[in-house]
């Protein structure tokens, strides 16, 4: 089976000044406004360190979003 997805194809981190290999791909709109200066289109690729930063920056809003779906 061939490689699938942009991470499997060896995409690099989209944070300006970072050239590490990407480990996660997110919609750019989810990453904007978190303090990470990114370059990219629809999808943003983040390396391990920047993904961890993104998770810390968005923890509260992700908890709220998750709680909205856990009501029932």
Protein backbone atom coordinates (compact mmCIF):
# COMPACT_ATOMS: atom_id res chain seq x y z
CA UNK A 1 0.00 0.00 0.00
CA UNK A 2 1.31 3.48 -0.85
CA UNK A 3 1.89 6.41 1.43
CA UNK A 4 -1.19 8.38 2.38
CA UNK A 5 -1.55 11.81 3.92
CA UNK A 6 0.82 14.71 4.03
CA UNK A 7 2.60 13.53 7.19
CA UNK A 8 3.42 10.15 5.65
CA UNK A 9 4.85 11.95 2.63
CA UNK A 10 7.39 13.74 4.83
CA UNK A 11 5.84 17.19 5.28
CA UNK A 12 7.82 19.67 7.37
CA UNK A 13 6.48 21.85 10.19
CA UNK A 14 4.68 24.99 8.88
CA UNK A 15 5.76 27.22 11.79
CA UNK A 16 7.99 29.96 10.41
CA UNK A 17 11.64 29.21 11.22
CA UNK A 18 11.10 25.51 12.02
CA UNK A 19 12.29 22.78 9.64
CA UNK A 20 11.52 19.68 11.70
CA UNK A 21 9.43 16.80 10.40
CA UNK A 22 5.70 17.15 10.94
CA UNK A 23 3.82 14.74 13.22
CA UNK A 24 0.31 16.22 13.09
CA UNK A 25 -1.79 17.94 10.48
CA UNK A 26 -4.56 20.35 11.53
CA UNK A 27 -6.94 22.71 9.79
CA UNK A 28 -5.23 26.09 9.58
CA UNK A 29 -8.22 27.86 11.17
CA UNK A 30 -7.69 25.79 14.36
CA UNK A 31 -4.05 26.90 14.61
CA UNK A 32 -4.54 30.61 13.82
CA UNK A 33 -4.78 32.84 16.87
CA UNK A 34 -2.74 30.59 19.15
CA UNK A 35 0.51 32.57 18.96
CA UNK A 36 2.18 30.26 16.44
CA UNK A 37 3.28 32.13 13.30
CA UNK A 38 2.46 29.73 10.48
CA UNK A 39 2.75 29.68 6.74
CA UNK A 40 0.39 27.49 4.82
CA UNK A 41 -2.94 26.95 3.14
CA UNK A 42 -5.88 24.82 4.24
CA UNK A 43 -3.81 22.41 6.32
CA UNK A 44 -1.06 23.21 8.80
CA UNK A 45 1.60 20.65 9.68
CA UNK A 46 3.13 20.82 13.16
CA UNK A 47 6.22 19.10 14.58
CA UNK A 48 6.07 17.41 17.98
CA UNK A 49 7.16 20.54 19.92
CA UNK A 50 4.79 22.94 18.16
CA UNK A 51 1.89 20.47 18.41
CA UNK A 52 2.50 20.34 22.18
CA UNK A 53 2.48 24.16 22.26
CA UNK A 54 -0.78 24.22 20.30
CA UNK A 55 -2.36 21.69 22.68
CA UNK A 56 -1.43 23.83 25.71
CA UNK A 57 -2.71 27.02 24.07
CA UNK A 58 -6.08 25.51 23.12
CA UNK A 59 -6.70 23.22 26.09
CA UNK A 60 -9.55 25.24 27.61
CA UNK A 61 -11.45 25.77 24.38
CA UNK A 62 -11.05 22.11 23.39
CA UNK A 63 -12.43 21.09 26.81
CA UNK A 64 -15.47 23.33 26.27
CA UNK A 65 -15.99 21.94 22.77
CA UNK A 66 -15.72 18.37 24.05
CA UNK A 67 -18.18 19.11 26.87
CA UNK A 68 -20.75 20.30 24.35
CA UNK A 69 -20.81 16.84 22.78
CA UNK A 70 -20.66 14.90 26.06
CA UNK A 71 -23.96 16.29 27.38
CA UNK A 72 -26.08 13.38 26.20
